[in-house]
Amino acid sequence: GLTDVVKTTIYVASSRREDLVTAWDVVRSQFGEHDAPSTLL
């Protein structure tokens, strides 16, 4: 499950920081308190 996740990588096909933050907010909301290391690109 998500609480077993050790690391994520999130790819967003955009050069706009706002789009990256939008995707990030959705992903983080799903993980709740389990804030595993992540890379956002």
PDB file of all heavy atoms in Angstrom:
ATOM      1  N   GLY A   1       0.837  -1.193   0.000  1.00  0.00           N
ATOM      2  CA  GLY A   1       0.000   0.000   0.000  1.00  0.00           C
ATOM      3  C   GLY A   1       0.872   1.243   0.000  1.00  0.00           C
ATOM      4  O   GLY A   1       2.106   1.156   0.001  1.00  0.00           O
ATOM      5  N   LEU A   2       0.241   2.388   0.031  1.00  0.00           N
ATOM      6  CA  LEU A   2       1.008   3.637  -0.005  1.00  0.00           C
ATOM      7  C   LEU A   2       1.932   3.790   1.199  1.00  0.00           C
ATOM      8  O   LEU A   2       2.995   4.383   1.086  1.00  0.00           O
ATOM      9  CB  LEU A   2       0.066   4.838  -0.109  1.00  0.00           C
ATOM     10  CG  LEU A   2      -0.662   4.991  -1.442  1.00  0.00           C
ATOM     11  CD1 LEU A   2      -1.539   6.247  -1.425  1.00  0.00           C
ATOM     12  CD2 LEU A   2       0.300   5.033  -2.614  1.00  0.00           C
ATOM     13  N   THR A   3       1.563   3.245   2.352  1.00  0.00           N
ATOM     14  CA  THR A   3       2.439   3.364   3.526  1.00  0.00           C
ATOM     15  C   THR A   3       3.666   2.462   3.428  1.00  0.00           C
ATOM     16  O   THR A   3       4.570   2.561   4.251  1.00  0.00           O
ATOM     17  CB  THR A   3       1.680   3.059   4.831  1.00  0.00           C
ATOM     18  OG1 THR A   3       1.118   1.751   4.740  1.00  0.00           O
ATOM     19  CG2 THR A   3       0.599   4.103   5.088  1.00  0.00           C
ATOM     20  N   ASP A   4       3.715   1.611   2.412  1.00  0.00           N
ATOM     21  CA  ASP A   4       4.896   0.779   2.161  1.00  0.00           C
ATOM     22  C   ASP A   4       5.855   1.430   1.170  1.00  0.00           C
ATOM     23  O   ASP A   4       6.934   0.905   0.897  1.00  0.00           O
ATOM     24  CB  ASP A   4       4.469  -0.590   1.603  1.00  0.00           C
ATOM     25  CG  ASP A   4       3.593  -1.344   2.573  1.00  0.00           C
ATOM     26  OD1 ASP A   4       3.996  -1.488   3.746  1.00  0.00           O
ATOM     27  OD2 ASP A   4       2.496  -1.780   2.168  1.00  0.00           O
ATOM     28  N   VAL A   5       5.466   2.564   0.620  1.00  0.00           N
ATOM     29  CA  VAL A   5       6.290   3.236  -0.391  1.00  0.00           C
ATOM     30  C   VAL A   5       7.519   3.853   0.254  1.00  0.00           C
ATOM     31  O   VAL A   5       7.429   4.555   1.260  1.00  0.00           O
ATOM     32  CB  VAL A   5       5.467   4.285  -1.165  1.00  0.00           C
ATOM     33  CG1 VAL A   5       6.359   5.165  -2.031  1.00  0.00           C
ATOM     34  CG2 VAL A   5       4.412   3.582  -2.004  1.00  0.00           C
ATOM     35  N   VAL A   6       8.663   3.590  -0.352  1.00  0.00           N
ATOM     36  CA  VAL A   6       9.940   4.111   0.117  1.00  0.00           C
ATOM     37  C   VAL A   6      10.312   5.384  -0.641  1.00  0.00           C
ATOM     38  O   VAL A   6      10.940   6.284  -0.086  1.00  0.00           O
ATOM     39  CB  VAL A   6      11.056   3.052  -0.064  1.00  0.00           C
ATOM     40  CG1 VAL A   6      12.407   3.578   0.372  1.00  0.00           C
ATOM     41  CG2 VAL A   6      10.718   1.787   0.692  1.00  0.00           C
ATOM     42  N   LYS A   7       9.936   5.487  -1.924  1.00  0.00           N
ATOM     43  CA  LYS A   7      10.289   6.647  -2.742  1.00  0.00           C
ATOM     44  C   LYS A   7       9.361   6.743  -3.933  1.00  0.00           C
ATOM     45  O   LYS A   7       8.912   5.731  -4.449  1.00  0.00           O
ATOM     46  CB  LYS A   7      11.726   6.527  -3.251  1.00  0.00           C
ATOM     47  CG  LYS A   7      12.160   7.748  -4.058  1.00  0.00           C
ATOM     48  CD  LYS A   7      13.535   7.601  -4.629  1.00  0.00           C
ATOM     49  CE  LYS A   7      14.027   8.855  -5.311  1.00  0.00           C
ATOM     50  NZ  LYS A   7      13.086   9.539  -6.176  1.00  0.00           N
ATOM     51  N   THR A   8       9.065   7.972  -4.340  1.00  0.00           N
ATOM     52  CA  THR A   8       8.312   8.209  -5.564  1.00  0.00           C
ATOM     53  C   THR A   8       9.086   9.153  -6.478  1.00  0.00           C
ATOM     54  O   THR A   8       9.936   9.921  -6.031  1.00  0.00           O
ATOM     55  CB  THR A   8       6.927   8.842  -5.289  1.00  0.00           C
ATOM     56  OG1 THR A   8       7.102  10.120  -4.688  1.00  0.00           O
ATOM     57  CG2 THR A   8       6.058   7.965  -4.425  1.00  0.00           C
ATOM     58  N   THR A   9       8.747   9.071  -7.752  1.00  0.00           N
ATOM     59  CA  THR A   9       9.213  10.039  -8.737  1.00  0.00           C
ATOM     60  C   THR A   9       7.986  10.478  -9.524  1.00  0.00           C
ATOM     61  O   THR A   9       7.201   9.640  -9.979  1.00  0.00           O
ATOM     62  CB  THR A   9      10.255   9.424  -9.690  1.00  0.00           C
ATOM     63  OG1 THR A   9      11.328   8.880  -8.915  1.00  0.00           O
ATOM     64  CG2 THR A   9      10.824  10.481 -10.630  1.00  0.00           C
ATOM     65  N   ILE A  10       7.824  11.787  -9.642  1.00  0.00           N
ATOM     66  CA  ILE A  10       6.660  12.365 -10.312  1.00  0.00           C
ATOM     67  C   ILE A  10       7.163  13.163 -11.507  1.00  0.00           C
ATOM     68  O   ILE A  10       7.981  14.075 -11.355  1.00  0.00           O
ATOM     69  CB  ILE A  10       5.884  13.299  -9.359  1.00  0.00           C
ATOM     70  CG1 ILE A  10       5.511  12.557  -8.085  1.00  0.00           C
ATOM     71  CG2 ILE A  10       4.659  13.894 -10.051  1.00  0.00           C
ATOM     72  CD1 ILE A  10       5.247  13.467  -6.907  1.00  0.00           C
ATOM     73  N   TYR A  11       6.671  12.792 -12.676  1.00  0.00           N
ATOM     74  CA  TYR A  11       7.042  13.478 -13.911  1.00  0.00           C
ATOM     75  C   TYR A  11       5.852  14.286 -14.396  1.00  0.00           C
ATOM     76  O   TYR A  11       4.728  13.774 -14.448  1.00  0.00           O
ATOM     77  CB  TYR A  11       7.410  12.467 -14.996  1.00  0.00           C
ATOM     78  CG  TYR A  11       8.520  11.527 -14.608  1.00  0.00           C
ATOM     79  CD1 TYR A  11       8.244  10.306 -14.002  1.00  0.00           C
ATOM     80  CD2 TYR A  11       9.851  11.854 -14.844  1.00  0.00           C
ATOM     81  CE1 TYR A  11       9.257   9.436 -13.647  1.00  0.00           C
ATOM     82  CE2 TYR A  11      10.876  10.990 -14.487  1.00  0.00           C
ATOM     83  CZ  TYR A  11      10.566   9.781 -13.893  1.00  0.00           C
ATOM     84  OH  TYR A  11      11.580   8.919 -13.545  1.00  0.00           O
ATOM     85  N   VAL A  12       6.101  15.546 -14.764  1.00  0.00           N
ATOM     86  CA  VAL A  12       5.047  16.407 -15.289  1.00  0.00           C
ATOM     87  C   VAL A  12       5.560  17.009 -16.595  1.00  0.00           C
ATOM     88  O   VAL A  12       6.622  17.634 -16.620  1.00  0.00           O
ATOM     89  CB  VAL A  12       4.682  17.543 -14.294  1.00  0.00           C
ATOM     90  CG1 VAL A  12       3.541  18.387 -14.841  1.00  0.00           C
ATOM     91  CG2 VAL A  12       4.320  16.964 -12.934  1.00  0.00           C
ATOM     92  N   ALA A  13       4.817  16.802 -17.662  1.00  0.00           N
ATOM     93  CA  ALA A  13       5.221  17.318 -18.973  1.00  0.00           C
ATOM     94  C   ALA A  13       4.854  18.794 -19.062  1.00  0.00           C
ATOM     95  O   ALA A  13       3.846  19.183 -19.647  1.00  0.00           O
ATOM     96  CB  ALA A  13       4.566  16.516 -20.086  1.00  0.00           C
ATOM     97  N   SER A  14       5.690  19.609 -18.425  1.00  0.00           N
ATOM     98  CA  SER A  14       5.460  21.051 -18.395  1.00  0.00           C
ATOM     99  C   SER A  14       6.724  21.752 -17.906  1.00  0.00           C
ATOM    100  O   SER A  14       7.480  21.188 -17.119  1.00  0.00           O
ATOM    101  CB  SER A  14       4.313  21.399 -17.443  1.00  0.00           C
ATOM    102  OG  SER A  14       4.116  22.796 -17.370  1.00  0.00           O
ATOM    103  N   SER A  15       6.903  22.955 -18.366  1.00  0.00           N
ATOM    104  CA  SER A  15       7.985  23.789 -17.836  1.00  0.00           C
ATOM    105  C   SER A  15       7.434  24.834 -16.866  1.00  0.00           C
ATOM    106  O   SER A  15       8.186  25.660 -16.365  1.00  0.00           O
ATOM    107  CB  SER A  15       8.734  24.486 -18.981  1.00  0.00           C
ATOM    108  OG  SER A  15       7.841  25.325 -19.698  1.00  0.00           O
ATOM    109  N   ARG A  16       6.139  24.756 -16.578  1.00  0.00           N
ATOM    110  CA  ARG A  16       5.508  25.692 -15.655  1.00  0.00           C
ATOM    111  C   ARG A  16       5.518  25.127 -14.243  1.00  0.00           C
ATOM    112  O   ARG A  16       4.958  24.068 -13.977  1.00  0.00           O
ATOM    113  CB  ARG A  16       4.063  25.965 -16.088  1.00  0.00           C
ATOM    114  CG  ARG A  16       3.953  26.656 -17.437  1.00  0.00           C
ATOM    115  CD  ARG A  16       2.535  26.996 -17.766  1.00  0.00           C
ATOM    116  NE  ARG A  16       1.905  27.565 -16.582  1.00  0.00           N
ATOM    117  CZ  ARG A  16       0.624  27.502 -16.327  1.00  0.00           C
ATOM    118  NH1 ARG A  16      -0.197  26.895 -17.143  1.00  0.00           N
ATOM    119  NH2 ARG A  16       0.129  28.037 -15.229  1.00  0.00           N
ATOM    120  N   ARG A  17       6.125  25.858 -13.344  1.00  0.00           N
ATOM    121  CA  ARG A  17       6.203  25.414 -11.948  1.00  0.00           C
ATOM    122  C   ARG A  17       4.813  25.186 -11.359  1.00  0.00           C
ATOM    123  O   ARG A  17       4.604  24.279 -10.570  1.00  0.00           O
ATOM    124  CB  ARG A  17       6.991  26.444 -11.130  1.00  0.00           C
ATOM    125  CG  ARG A  17       7.157  26.020  -9.684  1.00  0.00           C
ATOM    126  CD  ARG A  17       8.197  26.824  -8.934  1.00  0.00           C
ATOM    127  NE  ARG A  17       9.518  26.304  -9.257  1.00  0.00           N
ATOM    128  CZ  ARG A  17      10.463  26.982  -9.914  1.00  0.00           C
ATOM    129  NH1 ARG A  17      10.236  28.193 -10.318  1.00  0.00           N
ATOM    130  NH2 ARG A  17      11.623  26.444 -10.156  1.00  0.00           N
ATOM    131  N   GLU A  18       3.838  25.992 -11.767  1.00  0.00           N
ATOM    132  CA  GLU A  18       2.476  25.841 -11.254  1.00  0.00           C
ATOM    133  C   GLU A  18       1.925  24.449 -11.569  1.00  0.00           C
ATOM    134  O   GLU A  18       1.204  23.859 -10.759  1.00  0.00           O
ATOM    135  CB  GLU A  18       1.541  26.906 -11.857  1.00  0.00           C
ATOM    136  CG  GLU A  18       1.934  28.329 -11.535  1.00  0.00           C
ATOM    137  CD  GLU A  18       3.006  28.889 -12.495  1.00  0.00           C
ATOM    138  OE1 GLU A  18       3.210  28.338 -13.600  1.00  0.00           O
ATOM    139  OE2 GLU A  18       3.653  29.871 -12.123  1.00  0.00           O
ATOM    140  N   ASP A  19       2.241  23.929 -12.752  1.00  0.00           N
ATOM    141  CA  ASP A  19       1.776  22.590 -13.116  1.00  0.00           C
ATOM    142  C   ASP A  19       2.441  21.527 -12.248  1.00  0.00           C
ATOM    143  O   ASP A  19       1.792  20.570 -11.820  1.00  0.00           O
ATOM    144  CB  ASP A  19       2.050  22.307 -14.595  1.00  0.00           C
ATOM    145  CG  ASP A  19       1.205  23.159 -15.524  1.00  0.00           C
ATOM    146  OD1 ASP A  19       0.139  23.648 -15.096  1.00  0.00           O
ATOM    147  OD2 ASP A  19       1.615  23.332 -16.690  1.00  0.00           O
ATOM    148  N   LEU A  20       3.726  21.693 -11.976  1.00  0.00           N
ATOM    149  CA  LEU A  20       4.430  20.745 -11.116  1.00  0.00           C
ATOM    150  C   LEU A  20       3.824  20.759  -9.719  1.00  0.00           C
ATOM    151  O   LEU A  20       3.578  19.707  -9.123  1.00  0.00           O
ATOM    152  CB  LEU A  20       5.922  21.059 -11.052  1.00  0.00           C
ATOM    153  CG  LEU A  20       6.764  20.476 -12.191  1.00  0.00           C
ATOM    154  CD1 LEU A  20       6.495  21.171 -13.502  1.00  0.00           C
ATOM    155  CD2 LEU A  20       8.233  20.562 -11.846  1.00  0.00           C
ATOM    156  N   VAL A  21       3.556  21.943  -9.184  1.00  0.00           N
ATOM    157  CA  VAL A  21       2.969  22.065  -7.846  1.00  0.00           C
ATOM    158  C   VAL A  21       1.568  21.459  -7.823  1.00  0.00           C
ATOM    159  O   VAL A  21       1.197  20.783  -6.859  1.00  0.00           O
ATOM    160  CB  VAL A  21       2.956  23.543  -7.389  1.00  0.00           C
ATOM    161  CG1 VAL A  21       2.132  23.723  -6.122  1.00  0.00           C
ATOM    162  CG2 VAL A  21       4.377  24.051  -7.181  1.00  0.00           C
ATOM    163  N   THR A  22       0.805  21.637  -8.876  1.00  0.00           N
ATOM    164  CA  THR A  22      -0.535  21.048  -8.946  1.00  0.00           C
ATOM    165  C   THR A  22      -0.457  19.528  -8.854  1.00  0.00           C
ATOM    166  O   THR A  22      -1.185  18.904  -8.064  1.00  0.00           O
ATOM    167  CB  THR A  22      -1.248  21.473 -10.248  1.00  0.00           C
ATOM    168  OG1 THR A  22      -1.439  22.893 -10.216  1.00  0.00           O
ATOM    169  CG2 THR A  22      -2.581  20.773 -10.419  1.00  0.00           C
ATOM    170  N   ALA A  23       0.414  18.924  -9.637  1.00  0.00           N
ATOM    171  CA  ALA A  23       0.581  17.468  -9.590  1.00  0.00           C
ATOM    172  C   ALA A  23       1.073  17.035  -8.216  1.00  0.00           C
ATOM    173  O   ALA A  23       0.580  16.069  -7.633  1.00  0.00           O
ATOM    174  CB  ALA A  23       1.541  17.007 -10.681  1.00  0.00           C
ATOM    175  N   TRP A  24       2.043  17.755  -7.677  1.00  0.00           N
ATOM    176  CA  TRP A  24       2.604  17.439  -6.361  1.00  0.00           C
ATOM    177  C   TRP A  24       1.516  17.444  -5.288  1.00  0.00           C
ATOM    178  O   TRP A  24       1.444  16.543  -4.464  1.00  0.00           O
ATOM    179  CB  TRP A  24       3.698  18.441  -6.004  1.00  0.00           C
ATOM    180  CG  TRP A  24       4.186  18.302  -4.611  1.00  0.00           C
ATOM    181  CD1 TRP A  24       3.837  19.039  -3.529  1.00  0.00           C
ATOM    182  CD2 TRP A  24       5.118  17.323  -4.139  1.00  0.00           C
ATOM    183  NE1 TRP A  24       4.492  18.593  -2.413  1.00  0.00           N
ATOM    184  CE2 TRP A  24       5.285  17.534  -2.768  1.00  0.00           C
ATOM    185  CE3 TRP A  24       5.823  16.289  -4.754  1.00  0.00           C
ATOM    186  CZ2 TRP A  24       6.127  16.753  -1.984  1.00  0.00           C
ATOM    187  CZ3 TRP A  24       6.666  15.524  -3.967  1.00  0.00           C
ATOM    188  CH2 TRP A  24       6.811  15.756  -2.603  1.00  0.00           C
ATOM    189  N   ASP A  25       0.669  18.468  -5.304  1.00  0.00           N
ATOM    190  CA  ASP A  25      -0.388  18.580  -4.291  1.00  0.00           C
ATOM    191  C   ASP A  25      -1.334  17.379  -4.337  1.00  0.00           C
ATOM    192  O   ASP A  25      -1.752  16.864  -3.293  1.00  0.00           O
ATOM    193  CB  ASP A  25      -1.161  19.885  -4.462  1.00  0.00           C
ATOM    194  CG  ASP A  25      -0.354  21.111  -4.047  1.00  0.00           C
ATOM    195  OD1 ASP A  25       0.681  20.959  -3.357  1.00  0.00           O
ATOM    196  OD2 ASP A  25      -0.760  22.227  -4.434  1.00  0.00           O
ATOM    197  N   VAL A  26      -1.665  16.923  -5.516  1.00  0.00           N
ATOM    198  CA  VAL A  26      -2.543  15.751  -5.652  1.00  0.00           C
ATOM    199  C   VAL A  26      -1.851  14.520  -5.077  1.00  0.00           C
ATOM    200  O   VAL A  26      -2.438  13.780  -4.282  1.00  0.00           O
ATOM    201  CB  VAL A  26      -2.930  15.518  -7.128  1.00  0.00           C
ATOM    202  CG1 VAL A  26      -3.615  14.168  -7.304  1.00  0.00           C
ATOM    203  CG2 VAL A  26      -3.824  16.645  -7.636  1.00  0.00           C
ATOM    204  N   VAL A  27      -0.604  14.305  -5.464  1.00  0.00           N
ATOM    205  CA  VAL A  27       0.130  13.118  -4.996  1.00  0.00           C
ATOM    206  C   VAL A  27       0.294  13.153  -3.479  1.00  0.00           C
ATOM    207  O   VAL A  27       0.003  12.183  -2.781  1.00  0.00           O
ATOM    208  CB  VAL A  27       1.489  13.006  -5.706  1.00  0.00           C
ATOM    209  CG1 VAL A  27       2.345  11.894  -5.104  1.00  0.00           C
ATOM    210  CG2 VAL A  27       1.286  12.779  -7.202  1.00  0.00           C
ATOM    211  N   ARG A  28       0.744  14.266  -2.942  1.00  0.00           N
ATOM    212  CA  ARG A  28       0.968  14.359  -1.486  1.00  0.00           C
ATOM    213  C   ARG A  28      -0.324  14.141  -0.715  1.00  0.00           C
ATOM    214  O   ARG A  28      -0.313  13.551   0.352  1.00  0.00           O
ATOM    215  CB  ARG A  28       1.573  15.728  -1.124  1.00  0.00           C
ATOM    216  CG  ARG A  28       3.003  15.898  -1.517  1.00  0.00           C
ATOM    217  CD  ARG A  28       3.986  14.862  -0.971  1.00  0.00           C
ATOM    218  NE  ARG A  28       3.779  14.545   0.413  1.00  0.00           N
ATOM    219  CZ  ARG A  28       3.840  13.312   0.926  1.00  0.00           C
ATOM    220  NH1 ARG A  28       4.131  12.293   0.170  1.00  0.00           N
ATOM    221  NH2 ARG A  28       3.643  13.098   2.201  1.00  0.00           N
ATOM    222  N   SER A  29      -1.441  14.629  -1.238  1.00  0.00           N
ATOM    223  CA  SER A  29      -2.704  14.454  -0.524  1.00  0.00           C
ATOM    224  C   SER A  29      -3.062  12.974  -0.401  1.00  0.00           C
ATOM    225  O   SER A  29      -3.689  12.575   0.581  1.00  0.00           O
ATOM    226  CB  SER A  29      -3.828  15.224  -1.210  1.00  0.00           C
ATOM    227  OG  SER A  29      -4.207  14.607  -2.426  1.00  0.00           O
ATOM    228  N   GLN A  30      -2.686  12.170  -1.340  1.00  0.00           N
ATOM    229  CA  GLN A  30      -2.978  10.741  -1.297  1.00  0.00           C
ATOM    230  C   GLN A  30      -2.110   9.998  -0.284  1.00  0.00           C
ATOM    231  O   GLN A  30      -2.528   8.988   0.266  1.00  0.00           O
ATOM    232  CB  GLN A  30      -2.783  10.116  -2.681  1.00  0.00           C
ATOM    233  CG  GLN A  30      -3.728  10.659  -3.720  1.00  0.00           C
ATOM    234  CD  GLN A  30      -5.176  10.359  -3.394  1.00  0.00           C
ATOM    235  OE1 GLN A  30      -5.527   9.214  -3.150  1.00  0.00           O
ATOM    236  NE2 GLN A  30      -6.006  11.374  -3.374  1.00  0.00           N
ATOM    237  N   PHE A  31      -0.903  10.497  -0.039  1.00  0.00           N
ATOM    238  CA  PHE A  31       0.009   9.832   0.888  1.00  0.00           C
ATOM    239  C   PHE A  31      -0.228  10.227   2.345  1.00  0.00           C
ATOM    240  O   PHE A  31       0.243   9.545   3.249  1.00  0.00           O
ATOM    241  CB  PHE A  31       1.468  10.116   0.503  1.00  0.00           C
ATOM    242  CG  PHE A  31       1.976   9.213  -0.568  1.00  0.00           C
ATOM    243  CD1 PHE A  31       1.816   9.545  -1.899  1.00  0.00           C
ATOM    244  CD2 PHE A  31       2.602   8.021  -0.251  1.00  0.00           C
ATOM    245  CE1 PHE A  31       2.273   8.707  -2.899  1.00  0.00           C
ATOM    246  CE2 PHE A  31       3.067   7.170  -1.241  1.00  0.00           C
ATOM    247  CZ  PHE A  31       2.896   7.519  -2.571  1.00  0.00           C
ATOM    248  N   GLY A  32      -0.940  11.308   2.591  1.00  0.00           N
ATOM    249  CA  GLY A  32      -1.224  11.725   3.959  1.00  0.00           C
ATOM    250  C   GLY A  32       0.044  11.942   4.762  1.00  0.00           C
ATOM    251  O   GLY A  32       0.969  12.616   4.316  1.00  0.00           O
ATOM    252  N   GLU A  33       0.108  11.345   5.955  1.00  0.00           N
ATOM    253  CA  GLU A  33       1.255  11.524   6.856  1.00  0.00           C
ATOM    254  C   GLU A  33       2.504  10.774   6.392  1.00  0.00           C
ATOM    255  O   GLU A  33       3.587  11.029   6.884  1.00  0.00           O
ATOM    256  CB  GLU A  33       0.882  11.054   8.266  1.00  0.00           C
ATOM    257  CG  GLU A  33      -0.194  11.892   8.923  1.00  0.00           C
ATOM    258  CD  GLU A  33       0.249  13.330   9.135  1.00  0.00           C
ATOM    259  OE1 GLU A  33       1.369  13.555   9.626  1.00  0.00           O
ATOM    260  OE2 GLU A  33      -0.530  14.234   8.782  1.00  0.00           O
ATOM    261  N   HIS A  34       2.347   9.857   5.473  1.00  0.00           N
ATOM    262  CA  HIS A  34       3.488   9.072   4.979  1.00  0.00           C
ATOM    263  C   HIS A  34       4.194   9.883   3.889  1.00  0.00           C
ATOM    264  O   HIS A  34       3.926   9.746   2.706  1.00  0.00           O
ATOM    265  CB  HIS A  34       3.026   7.719   4.441  1.00  0.00           C
ATOM    266  CG  HIS A  34       4.157   6.826   4.057  1.00  0.00           C
ATOM    267  ND1 HIS A  34       4.980   6.226   4.982  1.00  0.00           N
ATOM    268  CD2 HIS A  34       4.617   6.444   2.850  1.00  0.00           C
ATOM    269  CE1 HIS A  34       5.890   5.504   4.357  1.00  0.00           C
ATOM    270  NE2 HIS A  34       5.683   5.620   3.057  1.00  0.00           N
ATOM    271  N   ASP A  35       5.085  10.767   4.324  1.00  0.00           N
ATOM    272  CA  ASP A  35       5.740  11.700   3.400  1.00  0.00           C
ATOM    273  C   ASP A  35       7.078  11.142   2.895  1.00  0.00           C
ATOM    274  O   ASP A  35       8.140  11.693   3.140  1.00  0.00           O
ATOM    275  CB  ASP A  35       5.898  13.072   4.039  1.00  0.00           C
ATOM    276  CG  ASP A  35       6.692  13.061   5.338  1.00  0.00           C
ATOM    277  OD1 ASP A  35       6.953  11.965   5.881  1.00  0.00           O
ATOM    278  OD2 ASP A  35       7.064  14.146   5.809  1.00  0.00           O
ATOM    279  N   ALA A  36       6.997  10.043   2.174  1.00  0.00           N
ATOM    280  CA  ALA A  36       8.184   9.366   1.639  1.00  0.00           C
ATOM    281  C   ALA A  36       8.992  10.319   0.756  1.00  0.00           C
ATOM    282  O   ALA A  36       8.437  11.239   0.148  1.00  0.00           O
ATOM    283  CB  ALA A  36       7.759   8.150   0.831  1.00  0.00           C
ATOM    284  N   PRO A  37      10.313  10.097   0.675  1.00  0.00           N
ATOM    285  CA  PRO A  37      11.126  10.905  -0.228  1.00  0.00           C
ATOM    286  C   PRO A  37      10.555  10.848  -1.645  1.00  0.00           C
ATOM    287  O   PRO A  37      10.034   9.818  -2.077  1.00  0.00           O
ATOM    288  CB  PRO A  37      12.500  10.231  -0.177  1.00  0.00           C
ATOM    289  CG  PRO A  37      12.533   9.523   1.130  1.00  0.00           C
ATOM    290  CD  PRO A  37      11.114   9.083   1.376  1.00  0.00           C
ATOM    291  N   SER A  38      10.658  11.965  -2.342  1.00  0.00           N
ATOM    292  CA  SER A  38      10.104  12.046  -3.684  1.00  0.00           C
ATOM    293  C   SER A  38      10.917  13.003  -4.526  1.00  0.00           C
ATOM    294  O   SER A  38      11.513  13.948  -4.008  1.00  0.00           O
ATOM    295  CB  SER A  38       8.653  12.528  -3.619  1.00  0.00           C
ATOM    296  OG  SER A  38       8.053  12.454  -4.891  1.00  0.00           O
ATOM    297  N   THR A  39      10.924  12.743  -5.812  1.00  0.00           N
ATOM    298  CA  THR A  39      11.537  13.650  -6.774  1.00  0.00           C
ATOM    299  C   THR A  39      10.443  14.114  -7.714  1.00  0.00           C
ATOM    300  O   THR A  39       9.655  13.303  -8.205  1.00  0.00           O
ATOM    301  CB  THR A  39      12.652  12.937  -7.564  1.00  0.00           C
ATOM    302  OG1 THR A  39      13.648  12.495  -6.645  1.00  0.00           O
ATOM    303  CG2 THR A  39      13.282  13.870  -8.586  1.00  0.00           C
ATOM    304  N   LEU A  40      10.384  15.422  -7.959  1.00  0.00           N
ATOM    305  CA  LEU A  40       9.397  16.033  -8.837  1.00  0.00           C
ATOM    306  C   LEU A  40      10.137  16.655 -10.010  1.00  0.00           C
ATOM    307  O   LEU A  40      11.026  17.484  -9.804  1.00  0.00           O
ATOM    308  CB  LEU A  40       8.615  17.101  -8.058  1.00  0.00           C
ATOM    309  CG  LEU A  40       7.617  17.956  -8.825  1.00  0.00           C
ATOM    310  CD1 LEU A  40       6.486  17.103  -9.388  1.00  0.00           C
ATOM    311  CD2 LEU A  40       7.065  19.050  -7.910  1.00  0.00           C
ATOM    312  N   LEU A  41       9.769  16.249 -11.223  1.00  0.00           N
ATOM    313  CA  LEU A  41      10.478  16.704 -12.412  1.00  0.00           C
ATOM    314  C   LEU A  41       9.533  17.275 -13.455  1.00  0.00           C
ATOM    315  O   LEU A  41       8.480  16.695 -13.714  1.00  0.00           O
ATOM    316  CB  LEU A  41      11.208  15.527 -13.079  1.00  0.00           C
ATOM    317  CG  LEU A  41      12.219  14.772 -12.248  1.00  0.00           C
ATOM    318  CD1 LEU A  41      12.540  13.444 -12.895  1.00  0.00           C
ATOM    319  CD2 LEU A  41      13.466  15.610 -12.116  1.00  0.00           C
TER     320      LEU A  41
END
